[in-house]
Amino acid sequence: MSLRSNIPEISNFVFQHIDPTFSSRAQKMGGGFIVGGENYGQGSSREHAALAPKFLGVQAIIAKSFARIHLANLVNFGILPLTLSNKQEYDEIVQGDILKIDIRNFEELITMENITKKTKIYVDLKLSTREKAMLRIGGKLAAIRTKQIAH
């Protein structure tokens, strides 16, 4: 609790219990993607669970499914929440794989390339038009800032 307002410091603890190297690797690589399982974000309704990965440069979470509140927080902070179309493909992605996603059009079905394995995996972007618009801008705060500048 003493670190609540210190985002750089709290970011050092992201996934500490399951992968103590995550934070340092994310910082070294300048971000990347997180691949998660079922109900990703369950129990992490606080905004820090999305804010700390955003600080580390995480651009997208690719999961089997998302906890509702956490998904909303990801959108708010400009992190793309993508759901695997075929949940069995989760096991085909391993740490260190180079993944490429072309999200310029924000289609509902997106092709993700696993450059390392030379395979394609389909992911879904099941968001409202409003949520997609917020993501294009960079999240809720960026959308509010853009709206204020326009007025």
Protein backbone atom coordinates (compact mmCIF):
# COMPACT_ATOMS: atom_id res chain seq x y z
CA MET A 1 0.00 0.00 0.00
CA SER A 2 2.90 2.38 0.59
CA LEU A 3 3.74 2.25 -3.14
CA ARG A 4 0.23 3.03 -4.47
CA SER A 5 1.21 6.38 -5.97
CA ASN A 6 4.69 5.30 -7.10
CA ILE A 7 3.93 3.61 -10.44
CA PRO A 8 7.58 3.06 -11.47
CA GLU A 9 8.26 1.28 -8.17
CA ILE A 10 5.03 -0.73 -8.09
CA SER A 11 5.76 -1.85 -11.67
CA ASN A 12 8.78 -3.75 -10.38
CA PHE A 13 6.39 -6.20 -8.74
CA VAL A 14 4.25 -7.14 -11.78
CA PHE A 15 4.03 -10.97 -11.90
CA GLN A 16 6.76 -11.20 -9.26
CA HIS A 17 5.36 -14.44 -7.80
CA ILE A 18 5.14 -16.34 -11.10
CA ASP A 19 7.98 -14.72 -13.07
CA PRO A 20 10.43 -12.63 -11.03
CA THR A 21 12.17 -11.51 -14.24
CA PHE A 22 9.04 -10.12 -15.94
CA SER A 23 9.44 -6.47 -14.95
CA SER A 24 13.12 -6.25 -15.86
CA ARG A 25 12.57 -8.09 -19.17
CA ALA A 26 9.65 -5.82 -20.07
CA GLN A 27 11.71 -2.73 -19.30
CA LYS A 28 14.69 -4.04 -21.28
CA MET A 29 12.53 -4.96 -24.30
CA GLY A 30 10.46 -1.78 -24.16
CA GLY A 31 7.22 -3.65 -23.50
CA GLY A 32 5.51 -6.29 -25.57
CA PHE A 33 2.57 -8.61 -25.01
CA ILE A 34 1.32 -10.72 -22.12
CA VAL A 35 -0.27 -14.09 -22.87
CA GLY A 36 -2.69 -15.25 -20.18
CA GLY A 37 -5.17 -17.97 -19.41
CA GLU A 38 -8.82 -18.11 -18.42
CA ASN A 39 -10.43 -15.16 -16.65
CA TYR A 40 -7.26 -13.09 -16.93
CA GLY A 41 -7.24 -10.30 -14.38
CA GLN A 42 -9.60 -12.05 -11.93
CA GLY A 43 -9.25 -10.42 -8.53
CA SER A 44 -7.34 -7.44 -9.90
CA SER A 45 -10.08 -4.87 -10.18
CA ARG A 46 -7.78 -2.11 -9.00
CA GLU A 47 -6.46 0.08 -11.76
CA HIS A 48 -2.85 -0.66 -10.77
CA ALA A 49 -3.15 -4.10 -12.39
CA ALA A 50 -3.47 -2.34 -15.77
CA LEU A 51 -1.48 0.82 -15.01
CA ALA A 52 1.74 -0.99 -14.01
CA PRO A 53 1.90 -3.12 -17.21
CA LYS A 54 1.13 0.04 -19.23
CA PHE A 55 4.08 1.75 -17.54
CA LEU A 56 6.25 -1.24 -18.55
CA GLY A 57 5.21 -0.79 -22.18
CA VAL A 58 2.78 -3.69 -22.47
CA GLN A 59 0.70 -3.05 -25.59
CA ALA A 60 -1.68 -6.01 -25.55
CA ILE A 61 -2.89 -8.87 -23.40
CA ILE A 62 -3.76 -12.04 -25.30
CA ALA A 63 -5.85 -14.35 -23.11
CA LYS A 64 -8.32 -17.21 -23.18
CA SER A 65 -10.86 -14.92 -21.45
CA PHE A 66 -10.92 -11.78 -19.29
CA ALA A 67 -12.40 -10.75 -15.97
CA ARG A 68 -14.95 -8.03 -16.78
CA ILE A 69 -13.63 -5.21 -14.59
CA HIS A 70 -10.01 -5.83 -15.51
CA LEU A 71 -10.89 -5.77 -19.22
CA ALA A 72 -12.46 -2.33 -18.72
CA ASN A 73 -9.33 -1.14 -16.91
CA LEU A 74 -7.11 -2.40 -19.75
CA VAL A 75 -9.15 -0.36 -22.24
CA ASN A 76 -9.03 2.67 -19.95
CA PHE A 77 -5.22 2.54 -19.93
CA GLY A 78 -4.87 1.83 -23.64
CA ILE A 79 -3.88 -1.84 -23.47
CA LEU A 80 -5.46 -3.98 -26.16
CA PRO A 81 -7.42 -6.95 -24.68
CA LEU A 82 -7.38 -9.76 -27.23
CA THR A 83 -9.08 -13.14 -26.75
CA LEU A 84 -7.75 -16.28 -28.40
CA SER A 85 -10.30 -17.51 -30.95
CA ASN A 86 -9.13 -21.08 -30.32
CA LYS A 87 -8.20 -21.48 -26.64
CA GLN A 88 -6.12 -24.59 -27.40
CA GLU A 89 -3.61 -22.37 -29.22
CA TYR A 90 -2.60 -20.91 -25.85
CA ASP A 91 -0.16 -23.79 -25.41
CA GLU A 92 1.50 -23.00 -28.75
CA ILE A 93 2.85 -19.68 -27.48
CA VAL A 94 5.89 -19.70 -25.19
CA GLN A 95 7.94 -17.01 -23.50
CA GLY A 96 10.32 -15.49 -26.00
CA ASP A 97 8.15 -16.07 -29.08
CA ILE A 98 8.06 -13.03 -31.32
CA LEU A 99 4.44 -12.11 -31.98
CA LYS A 100 3.20 -9.63 -34.56
CA ILE A 101 -0.27 -8.10 -34.65
CA ASP A 102 -1.56 -5.63 -37.22
CA ILE A 103 -4.29 -3.72 -35.42
CA ARG A 104 -4.64 -0.66 -37.62
CA ASN A 105 -8.25 -1.40 -38.51
CA PHE A 106 -9.42 -2.75 -35.14
CA GLU A 107 -11.35 -5.56 -36.77
CA GLU A 108 -13.20 -8.01 -34.54
CA LEU A 109 -11.07 -10.92 -35.80
CA ILE A 110 -7.35 -10.20 -36.00
CA THR A 111 -4.58 -12.40 -37.35
CA MET A 112 -1.59 -12.66 -35.03
CA GLU A 113 1.63 -14.06 -36.44
CA ASN A 114 4.02 -16.08 -34.33
CA ILE A 115 7.16 -15.07 -36.19
CA THR A 116 9.27 -17.53 -34.19
CA LYS A 117 7.19 -20.55 -35.19
CA LYS A 118 5.93 -19.22 -38.54
CA THR A 119 2.31 -19.82 -37.55
CA LYS A 120 -0.87 -17.74 -37.50
CA ILE A 121 -3.25 -17.50 -34.57
CA TYR A 122 -6.57 -15.71 -34.62
CA VAL A 123 -7.56 -13.39 -31.80
CA ASP A 124 -10.81 -11.56 -31.17
CA LEU A 125 -11.28 -7.92 -30.24
CA LYS A 126 -14.77 -7.91 -28.77
CA LEU A 127 -15.27 -4.31 -27.76
CA SER A 128 -17.88 -1.64 -28.36
CA THR A 129 -17.34 1.10 -30.93
CA ARG A 130 -16.76 3.53 -28.06
CA GLU A 131 -14.12 1.29 -26.44
CA LYS A 132 -12.33 0.85 -29.77
CA ALA A 133 -12.30 4.61 -30.25
CA MET A 134 -10.76 5.05 -26.80
CA LEU A 135 -8.08 2.48 -27.61
CA ARG A 136 -7.21 4.23 -30.88
CA ILE A 137 -6.51 7.40 -28.91
CA GLY A 138 -4.55 5.60 -26.19
CA GLY A 139 -7.15 5.00 -23.46
CA LYS A 140 -9.70 6.88 -21.43
CA LEU A 141 -7.42 9.64 -20.11
CA ALA A 142 -6.11 10.34 -23.61
CA ALA A 143 -9.71 10.43 -24.91
CA ILE A 144 -10.71 12.95 -22.23
CA ARG A 145 -7.62 15.05 -22.95
CA THR A 146 -8.40 15.01 -26.70
CA LYS A 147 -12.00 16.01 -26.03
CA GLN A 148 -10.91 18.92 -23.80
CA ILE A 149 -8.44 20.20 -26.38
CA ALA A 150 -11.18 20.18 -29.03
CA HIS A 151 -13.39 22.45 -26.92
